[in-house]
Amino acid sequence: MPTTAKPVRQTVSLPARVARRVKALANTTRTSTSRVIVDLIESGLDAQEQERKRFLEFADRLARSTDPGEQTRLKEELARMTFGS
C-alpha cells in the first residue's frame, strides 16, 4: 500500500509587508494564505532547480567549447548567474 507524506506544520514569521502581499494574493485567488505560501515556496524551489540546471548546462557547454569567443560569453554568463550583474 503506497504511503503519502503527511504535511508538516511549520511556523514562520513574515515581515509585515510580505504578509500583506500574501494576504492580498490569497484574497485575489480566493484561497488561504497558507496555500499561497506553499505555492510561492514551491515556485521558488522549482525556479532554483531550473537555475541550477541552466548553470550546469552552461558549464558543460563551456567545458566542450573550443571557440574562444563562445568561451568568453559562457564565462560571462556563468559569472552573472553566480554573482549577479
PDB file of N, CA and C in Angstrom:
ATOM      1  N   MET A   1       0.843  -1.171   0.000  1.00  0.00           N
ATOM      2  CA  MET A   1       0.000   0.000   0.000  1.00  0.00           C
ATOM      3  C   MET A   1       0.897   1.246   0.000  1.00  0.00           C
ATOM      4  N   PRO A   2       0.721   2.159  -0.981  1.00  0.00           N
ATOM      5  CA  PRO A   2       1.556   3.349  -1.022  1.00  0.00           C
ATOM      6  C   PRO A   2       1.218   4.291   0.130  1.00  0.00           C
ATOM      7  N   THR A   3       2.229   4.930   0.629  1.00  0.00           N
ATOM      8  CA  THR A   3       2.010   5.901   1.695  1.00  0.00           C
ATOM      9  C   THR A   3       2.246   7.291   1.141  1.00  0.00           C
ATOM     10  N   THR A   4       1.458   8.216   1.597  1.00  0.00           N
ATOM     11  CA  THR A   4       1.648   9.606   1.192  1.00  0.00           C
ATOM     12  C   THR A   4       2.263  10.349   2.356  1.00  0.00           C
ATOM     13  N   ALA A   5       3.150  11.248   2.026  1.00  0.00           N
ATOM     14  CA  ALA A   5       3.799  12.030   3.075  1.00  0.00           C
ATOM     15  C   ALA A   5       2.767  12.958   3.714  1.00  0.00           C
ATOM     16  N   LYS A   6       2.766  12.959   5.014  1.00  0.00           N
ATOM     17  CA  LYS A   6       1.859  13.838   5.738  1.00  0.00           C
ATOM     18  C   LYS A   6       2.427  15.251   5.715  1.00  0.00           C
ATOM     19  N   PRO A   7       1.545  16.229   5.653  1.00  0.00           N
ATOM     20  CA  PRO A   7       2.025  17.611   5.725  1.00  0.00           C
ATOM     21  C   PRO A   7       2.727  17.860   7.064  1.00  0.00           C
ATOM     22  N   VAL A   8       3.715  18.707   7.033  1.00  0.00           N
ATOM     23  CA  VAL A   8       4.456  19.074   8.234  1.00  0.00           C
ATOM     24  C   VAL A   8       4.088  20.509   8.585  1.00  0.00           C
ATOM     25  N   ARG A   9       3.644  20.713   9.779  1.00  0.00           N
ATOM     26  CA  ARG A   9       3.297  22.064  10.221  1.00  0.00           C
ATOM     27  C   ARG A   9       4.564  22.806  10.593  1.00  0.00           C
ATOM     28  N   GLN A  10       4.723  23.986   9.998  1.00  0.00           N
ATOM     29  CA  GLN A  10       5.864  24.853  10.288  1.00  0.00           C
ATOM     30  C   GLN A  10       5.323  26.211  10.678  1.00  0.00           C
ATOM     31  N   THR A  11       6.027  26.877  11.513  1.00  0.00           N
ATOM     32  CA  THR A  11       5.656  28.227  11.892  1.00  0.00           C
ATOM     33  C   THR A  11       6.715  29.170  11.353  1.00  0.00           C
ATOM     34  N   VAL A  12       6.262  30.174  10.642  1.00  0.00           N
ATOM     35  CA  VAL A  12       7.183  31.181  10.133  1.00  0.00           C
ATOM     36  C   VAL A  12       6.650  32.561  10.488  1.00  0.00           C
ATOM     37  N   SER A  13       7.555  33.476  10.672  1.00  0.00           N
ATOM     38  CA  SER A  13       7.178  34.871  10.886  1.00  0.00           C
ATOM     39  C   SER A  13       7.498  35.627   9.610  1.00  0.00           C
ATOM     40  N   LEU A  14       6.495  36.271   9.063  1.00  0.00           N
ATOM     41  CA  LEU A  14       6.676  37.031   7.836  1.00  0.00           C
ATOM     42  C   LEU A  14       6.788  38.509   8.167  1.00  0.00           C
ATOM     43  N   PRO A  15       7.664  39.203   7.466  1.00  0.00           N
ATOM     44  CA  PRO A  15       7.661  40.661   7.626  1.00  0.00           C
ATOM     45  C   PRO A  15       6.274  41.194   7.245  1.00  0.00           C
ATOM     46  N   ALA A  16       5.873  42.278   7.869  1.00  0.00           N
ATOM     47  CA  ALA A  16       4.518  42.817   7.668  1.00  0.00           C
ATOM     48  C   ALA A  16       4.221  43.066   6.197  1.00  0.00           C
ATOM     49  N   ARG A  17       5.173  43.608   5.448  1.00  0.00           N
ATOM     50  CA  ARG A  17       4.917  43.908   4.029  1.00  0.00           C
ATOM     51  C   ARG A  17       4.700  42.632   3.227  1.00  0.00           C
ATOM     52  N   VAL A  18       5.422  41.560   3.566  1.00  0.00           N
ATOM     53  CA  VAL A  18       5.254  40.281   2.875  1.00  0.00           C
ATOM     54  C   VAL A  18       3.908  39.674   3.251  1.00  0.00           C
ATOM     55  N   ALA A  19       3.559  39.750   4.519  1.00  0.00           N
ATOM     56  CA  ALA A  19       2.276  39.207   4.980  1.00  0.00           C
ATOM     57  C   ALA A  19       1.112  39.908   4.278  1.00  0.00           C
ATOM     58  N   ARG A  20       1.220  41.232   4.084  1.00  0.00           N
ATOM     59  CA  ARG A  20       0.161  41.969   3.381  1.00  0.00           C
ATOM     60  C   ARG A  20       0.046  41.485   1.934  1.00  0.00           C
ATOM     61  N   ARG A  21       1.190  41.266   1.291  1.00  0.00           N
ATOM     62  CA  ARG A  21       1.169  40.800  -0.100  1.00  0.00           C
ATOM     63  C   ARG A  21       0.585  39.395  -0.207  1.00  0.00           C
ATOM     64  N   VAL A  22       0.943  38.528   0.738  1.00  0.00           N
ATOM     65  CA  VAL A  22       0.409  37.164   0.747  1.00  0.00           C
ATOM     66  C   VAL A  22      -1.105  37.202   0.943  1.00  0.00           C
ATOM     67  N   LYS A  23      -1.543  38.018   1.875  1.00  0.00           N
ATOM     68  CA  LYS A  23      -2.984  38.123   2.130  1.00  0.00           C
ATOM     69  C   LYS A  23      -3.712  38.667   0.902  1.00  0.00           C
ATOM     70  N   ALA A  24      -3.115  39.646   0.236  1.00  0.00           N
ATOM     71  CA  ALA A  24      -3.729  40.204  -0.972  1.00  0.00           C
ATOM     72  C   ALA A  24      -3.819  39.131  -2.068  1.00  0.00           C
ATOM     73  N   LEU A  25      -2.768  38.332  -2.224  1.00  0.00           N
ATOM     74  CA  LEU A  25      -2.802  37.242  -3.200  1.00  0.00           C
ATOM     75  C   LEU A  25      -3.886  36.226  -2.840  1.00  0.00           C
ATOM     76  N   ALA A  26      -3.981  35.921  -1.567  1.00  0.00           N
ATOM     77  CA  ALA A  26      -4.995  34.966  -1.121  1.00  0.00           C
ATOM     78  C   ALA A  26      -6.392  35.491  -1.420  1.00  0.00           C
ATOM     79  N   ASN A  27      -6.621  36.764  -1.170  1.00  0.00           N
ATOM     80  CA  ASN A  27      -7.934  37.361  -1.456  1.00  0.00           C
ATOM     81  C   ASN A  27      -8.212  37.356  -2.956  1.00  0.00           C
ATOM     82  N   THR A  28      -7.211  37.687  -3.745  1.00  0.00           N
ATOM     83  CA  THR A  28      -7.374  37.735  -5.199  1.00  0.00           C
ATOM     84  C   THR A  28      -7.690  36.362  -5.768  1.00  0.00           C
ATOM     85  N   THR A  29      -6.986  35.342  -5.264  1.00  0.00           N
ATOM     86  CA  THR A  29      -7.179  33.982  -5.779  1.00  0.00           C
ATOM     87  C   THR A  29      -8.240  33.206  -5.013  1.00  0.00           C
ATOM     88  N   ARG A  30      -8.797  33.853  -4.003  1.00  0.00           N
ATOM     89  CA  ARG A  30      -9.838  33.228  -3.169  1.00  0.00           C
ATOM     90  C   ARG A  30      -9.374  31.886  -2.601  1.00  0.00           C
ATOM     91  N   THR A  31      -8.214  31.944  -2.001  1.00  0.00           N
ATOM     92  CA  THR A  31      -7.654  30.758  -1.347  1.00  0.00           C
ATOM     93  C   THR A  31      -7.068  31.188  -0.013  1.00  0.00           C
ATOM     94  N   SER A  32      -6.543  30.245   0.717  1.00  0.00           N
ATOM     95  CA  SER A  32      -6.000  30.568   2.039  1.00  0.00           C
ATOM     96  C   SER A  32      -4.590  31.134   1.923  1.00  0.00           C
ATOM     97  N   THR A  33      -4.197  31.868   2.938  1.00  0.00           N
ATOM     98  CA  THR A  33      -2.831  32.390   2.953  1.00  0.00           C
ATOM     99  C   THR A  33      -1.828  31.235   3.026  1.00  0.00           C
ATOM    100  N   SER A  34      -2.182  30.166   3.707  1.00  0.00           N
ATOM    101  CA  SER A  34      -1.290  29.004   3.778  1.00  0.00           C
ATOM    102  C   SER A  34      -1.052  28.421   2.392  1.00  0.00           C
ATOM    103  N   ARG A  35      -2.113  28.322   1.592  1.00  0.00           N
ATOM    104  CA  ARG A  35      -1.974  27.784   0.228  1.00  0.00           C
ATOM    105  C   ARG A  35      -1.088  28.688  -0.608  1.00  0.00           C
ATOM    106  N   VAL A  36      -1.253  29.999  -0.465  1.00  0.00           N
ATOM    107  CA  VAL A  36      -0.426  30.955  -1.206  1.00  0.00           C
ATOM    108  C   VAL A  36       1.038  30.785  -0.811  1.00  0.00           C
ATOM    109  N   ILE A  37       1.312  30.664   0.470  1.00  0.00           N
ATOM    110  CA  ILE A  37       2.689  30.499   0.940  1.00  0.00           C
ATOM    111  C   ILE A  37       3.288  29.206   0.378  1.00  0.00           C
ATOM    112  N   VAL A  38       2.536  28.120   0.427  1.00  0.00           N
ATOM    113  CA  VAL A  38       3.025  26.838  -0.115  1.00  0.00           C
ATOM    114  C   VAL A  38       3.307  26.979  -1.604  1.00  0.00           C
ATOM    115  N   ASP A  39       2.394  27.599  -2.342  1.00  0.00           N
ATOM    116  CA  ASP A  39       2.585  27.779  -3.784  1.00  0.00           C
ATOM    117  C   ASP A  39       3.828  28.615  -4.082  1.00  0.00           C
ATOM    118  N   LEU A  40       4.015  29.676  -3.309  1.00  0.00           N
ATOM    119  CA  LEU A  40       5.191  30.530  -3.511  1.00  0.00           C
ATOM    120  C   LEU A  40       6.487  29.786  -3.208  1.00  0.00           C
ATOM    121  N   ILE A  41       6.486  29.002  -2.155  1.00  0.00           N
ATOM    122  CA  ILE A  41       7.679  28.222  -1.808  1.00  0.00           C
ATOM    123  C   ILE A  41       7.977  27.198  -2.899  1.00  0.00           C
ATOM    124  N   GLU A  42       6.936  26.495  -3.357  1.00  0.00           N
ATOM    125  CA  GLU A  42       7.131  25.503  -4.422  1.00  0.00           C
ATOM    126  C   GLU A  42       7.651  26.165  -5.698  1.00  0.00           C
ATOM    127  N   SER A  43       7.107  27.326  -6.046  1.00  0.00           N
ATOM    128  CA  SER A  43       7.568  28.052  -7.230  1.00  0.00           C
ATOM    129  C   SER A  43       9.029  28.458  -7.077  1.00  0.00           C
ATOM    130  N   GLY A  44       9.382  28.933  -5.893  1.00  0.00           N
ATOM    131  CA  GLY A  44      10.766  29.330  -5.639  1.00  0.00           C
ATOM    132  C   GLY A  44      11.728  28.151  -5.715  1.00  0.00           C
ATOM    133  N   LEU A  45      11.319  27.020  -5.164  1.00  0.00           N
ATOM    134  CA  LEU A  45      12.166  25.827  -5.227  1.00  0.00           C
ATOM    135  C   LEU A  45      12.331  25.345  -6.658  1.00  0.00           C
ATOM    136  N   ASP A  46      11.236  25.372  -7.429  1.00  0.00           N
ATOM    137  CA  ASP A  46      11.308  24.980  -8.837  1.00  0.00           C
ATOM    138  C   ASP A  46      12.218  25.921  -9.621  1.00  0.00           C
ATOM    139  N   ALA A  47      12.082  27.219  -9.371  1.00  0.00           N
ATOM    140  CA  ALA A  47      12.915  28.204 -10.064  1.00  0.00           C
ATOM    141  C   ALA A  47      14.385  28.004  -9.726  1.00  0.00           C
ATOM    142  N   GLN A  48      14.673  27.713  -8.473  1.00  0.00           N
ATOM    143  CA  GLN A  48      16.055  27.478  -8.060  1.00  0.00           C
ATOM    144  C   GLN A  48      16.630  26.243  -8.753  1.00  0.00           C
ATOM    145  N   GLU A  49      15.845  25.199  -8.869  1.00  0.00           N
ATOM    146  CA  GLU A  49      16.302  23.979  -9.537  1.00  0.00           C
ATOM    147  C   GLU A  49      16.525  24.232 -11.029  1.00  0.00           C
ATOM    148  N   GLN A  50      15.630  24.999 -11.652  1.00  0.00           N
ATOM    149  CA  GLN A  50      15.805  25.334 -13.063  1.00  0.00           C
ATOM    150  C   GLN A  50      17.076  26.162 -13.273  1.00  0.00           C
ATOM    151  N   GLU A  51      17.328  27.093 -12.386  1.00  0.00           N
ATOM    152  CA  GLU A  51      18.542  27.918 -12.474  1.00  0.00           C
ATOM    153  C   GLU A  51      19.784  27.052 -12.308  1.00  0.00           C
ATOM    154  N   ARG A  52      19.735  26.082 -11.430  1.00  0.00           N
ATOM    155  CA  ARG A  52      20.855  25.152 -11.237  1.00  0.00           C
ATOM    156  C   ARG A  52      21.105  24.354 -12.514  1.00  0.00           C
ATOM    157  N   LYS A  53      20.022  23.846 -13.118  1.00  0.00           N
ATOM    158  CA  LYS A  53      20.164  23.086 -14.360  1.00  0.00           C
ATOM    159  C   LYS A  53      20.746  23.959 -15.468  1.00  0.00           C
ATOM    160  N   ARG A  54      20.261  25.180 -15.549  1.00  0.00           N
ATOM    161  CA  ARG A  54      20.773  26.114 -16.561  1.00  0.00           C
ATOM    162  C   ARG A  54      22.257  26.369 -16.351  1.00  0.00           C
ATOM    163  N   PHE A  55      22.655  26.568 -15.108  1.00  0.00           N
ATOM    164  CA  PHE A  55      24.069  26.787 -14.785  1.00  0.00           C
ATOM    165  C   PHE A  55      24.906  25.595 -15.242  1.00  0.00           C
ATOM    166  N   LEU A  56      24.448  24.383 -14.910  1.00  0.00           N
ATOM    167  CA  LEU A  56      25.204  23.184 -15.281  1.00  0.00           C
ATOM    168  C   LEU A  56      25.279  23.012 -16.792  1.00  0.00           C
ATOM    169  N   GLU A  57      24.218  23.380 -17.502  1.00  0.00           N
ATOM    170  CA  GLU A  57      24.243  23.313 -18.962  1.00  0.00           C
ATOM    171  C   GLU A  57      25.290  24.274 -19.527  1.00  0.00           C
ATOM    172  N   PHE A  58      25.341  25.498 -18.990  1.00  0.00           N
ATOM    173  CA  PHE A  58      26.351  26.454 -19.430  1.00  0.00           C
ATOM    174  C   PHE A  58      27.757  25.946 -19.121  1.00  0.00           C
ATOM    175  N   ALA A  59      27.939  25.387 -17.922  1.00  0.00           N
ATOM    176  CA  ALA A  59      29.257  24.864 -17.537  1.00  0.00           C
ATOM    177  C   ALA A  59      29.667  23.723 -18.463  1.00  0.00           C
ATOM    178  N   ASP A  60      28.723  22.875 -18.832  1.00  0.00           N
ATOM    179  CA  ASP A  60      29.006  21.770 -19.749  1.00  0.00           C
ATOM    180  C   ASP A  60      29.381  22.302 -21.136  1.00  0.00           C
ATOM    181  N   ARG A  61      28.621  23.288 -21.604  1.00  0.00           N
ATOM    182  CA  ARG A  61      28.949  23.902 -22.900  1.00  0.00           C
ATOM    183  C   ARG A  61      30.334  24.530 -22.865  1.00  0.00           C
ATOM    184  N   LEU A  62      30.671  25.184 -21.759  1.00  0.00           N
ATOM    185  CA  LEU A  62      31.992  25.801 -21.624  1.00  0.00           C
ATOM    186  C   LEU A  62      33.089  24.747 -21.680  1.00  0.00           C
ATOM    187  N   ALA A  63      32.875  23.632 -21.007  1.00  0.00           N
ATOM    188  CA  ALA A  63      33.874  22.562 -20.984  1.00  0.00           C
ATOM    189  C   ALA A  63      34.082  21.966 -22.376  1.00  0.00           C
ATOM    190  N   ARG A  64      33.034  21.927 -23.190  1.00  0.00           N
ATOM    191  CA  ARG A  64      33.136  21.337 -24.536  1.00  0.00           C
ATOM    192  C   ARG A  64      33.589  22.333 -25.595  1.00  0.00           C
ATOM    193  N   SER A  65      33.455  23.613 -25.318  1.00  0.00           N
ATOM    194  CA  SER A  65      33.698  24.637 -26.324  1.00  0.00           C
ATOM    195  C   SER A  65      35.182  24.770 -26.670  1.00  0.00           C
ATOM    196  N   THR A  66      35.430  24.986 -27.958  1.00  0.00           N
ATOM    197  CA  THR A  66      36.801  25.256 -28.416  1.00  0.00           C
ATOM    198  C   THR A  66      36.904  26.658 -29.006  1.00  0.00           C
ATOM    199  N   ASP A  67      35.768  27.356 -29.108  1.00  0.00           N
ATOM    200  CA  ASP A  67      35.738  28.712 -29.659  1.00  0.00           C
ATOM    201  C   ASP A  67      36.003  29.722 -28.548  1.00  0.00           C
ATOM    202  N   PRO A  68      37.109  30.483 -28.650  1.00  0.00           N
ATOM    203  CA  PRO A  68      37.440  31.456 -27.592  1.00  0.00           C
ATOM    204  C   PRO A  68      36.333  32.491 -27.363  1.00  0.00           C
ATOM    205  N   GLY A  69      35.663  32.930 -28.411  1.00  0.00           N
ATOM    206  CA  GLY A  69      34.577  33.900 -28.245  1.00  0.00           C
ATOM    207  C   GLY A  69      33.412  33.319 -27.471  1.00  0.00           C
ATOM    208  N   GLU A  70      33.042  32.092 -27.802  1.00  0.00           N
ATOM    209  CA  GLU A  70      31.955  31.425 -27.080  1.00  0.00           C
ATOM    210  C   GLU A  70      32.360  31.171 -25.631  1.00  0.00           C
ATOM    211  N   GLN A  71      33.615  30.797 -25.414  1.00  0.00           N
ATOM    212  CA  GLN A  71      34.087  30.560 -24.053  1.00  0.00           C
ATOM    213  C   GLN A  71      33.951  31.827 -23.215  1.00  0.00           C
ATOM    214  N   THR A  72      34.331  32.958 -23.796  1.00  0.00           N
ATOM    215  CA  THR A  72      34.222  34.235 -23.083  1.00  0.00           C
ATOM    216  C   THR A  72      32.771  34.541 -22.741  1.00  0.00           C
ATOM    217  N   ARG A  73      31.862  34.374 -23.718  1.00  0.00           N
ATOM    218  CA  ARG A  73      30.441  34.636 -23.473  1.00  0.00           C
ATOM    219  C   ARG A  73      29.891  33.718 -22.377  1.00  0.00           C
ATOM    220  N   LEU A  74      30.261  32.446 -22.440  1.00  0.00           N
ATOM    221  CA  LEU A  74      29.776  31.500 -21.434  1.00  0.00           C
ATOM    222  C   LEU A  74      30.324  31.837 -20.046  1.00  0.00           C
ATOM    223  N   LYS A  75      31.586  32.212 -19.977  1.00  0.00           N
ATOM    224  CA  LYS A  75      32.169  32.602 -18.680  1.00  0.00           C
ATOM    225  C   LYS A  75      31.448  33.814 -18.114  1.00  0.00           C
ATOM    226  N   GLU A  76      31.148  34.790 -18.978  1.00  0.00           N
ATOM    227  CA  GLU A  76      30.440  35.982 -18.516  1.00  0.00           C
ATOM    228  C   GLU A  76      29.034  35.637 -18.020  1.00  0.00           C
ATOM    229  N   GLU A  77      28.360  34.757 -18.733  1.00  0.00           N
ATOM    230  CA  GLU A  77      27.018  34.347 -18.313  1.00  0.00           C
ATOM    231  C   GLU A  77      27.075  33.593 -16.980  1.00  0.00           C
ATOM    232  N   LEU A  78      28.037  32.719 -16.825  1.00  0.00           N
ATOM    233  CA  LEU A  78      28.183  31.984 -15.565  1.00  0.00           C
ATOM    234  C   LEU A  78      28.496  32.944 -14.424  1.00  0.00           C
ATOM    235  N   ALA A  79      29.317  33.941 -14.686  1.00  0.00           N
ATOM    236  CA  ALA A  79      29.633  34.942 -13.654  1.00  0.00           C
ATOM    237  C   ALA A  79      28.374  35.707 -13.263  1.00  0.00           C
ATOM    238  N   ARG A  80      27.552  36.102 -14.263  1.00  0.00           N
ATOM    239  CA  ARG A  80      26.297  36.804 -13.957  1.00  0.00           C
ATOM    240  C   ARG A  80      25.372  35.936 -13.122  1.00  0.00           C
ATOM    241  N   MET A  81      25.302  34.654 -13.473  1.00  0.00           N
ATOM    242  CA  MET A  81      24.428  33.741 -12.736  1.00  0.00           C
ATOM    243  C   MET A  81      24.912  33.559 -11.297  1.00  0.00           C
ATOM    244  N   THR A  82      26.213  33.597 -11.117  1.00  0.00           N
ATOM    245  CA  THR A  82      26.781  33.361  -9.797  1.00  0.00           C
ATOM    246  C   THR A  82      26.807  34.618  -8.934  1.00  0.00           C
ATOM    247  N   PHE A  83      27.227  35.728  -9.540  1.00  0.00           N
ATOM    248  CA  PHE A  83      27.471  36.944  -8.767  1.00  0.00           C
ATOM    249  C   PHE A  83      26.492  38.083  -9.056  1.00  0.00           C
ATOM    250  N   GLY A  84      25.577  37.875  -9.979  1.00  0.00           N
ATOM    251  CA  GLY A  84      24.657  38.932 -10.361  1.00  0.00           C
ATOM    252  C   GLY A  84      25.263  39.805 -11.445  1.00  0.00           C
ATOM    253  N   SER A  85      24.589  40.872 -11.778  1.00  0.00           N
ATOM    254  CA  SER A  85      25.042  41.725 -12.877  1.00  0.00           C
ATOM    255  C   SER A  85      26.368  42.310 -12.544  1.00  0.00           C
TER     256      SER A  85
END
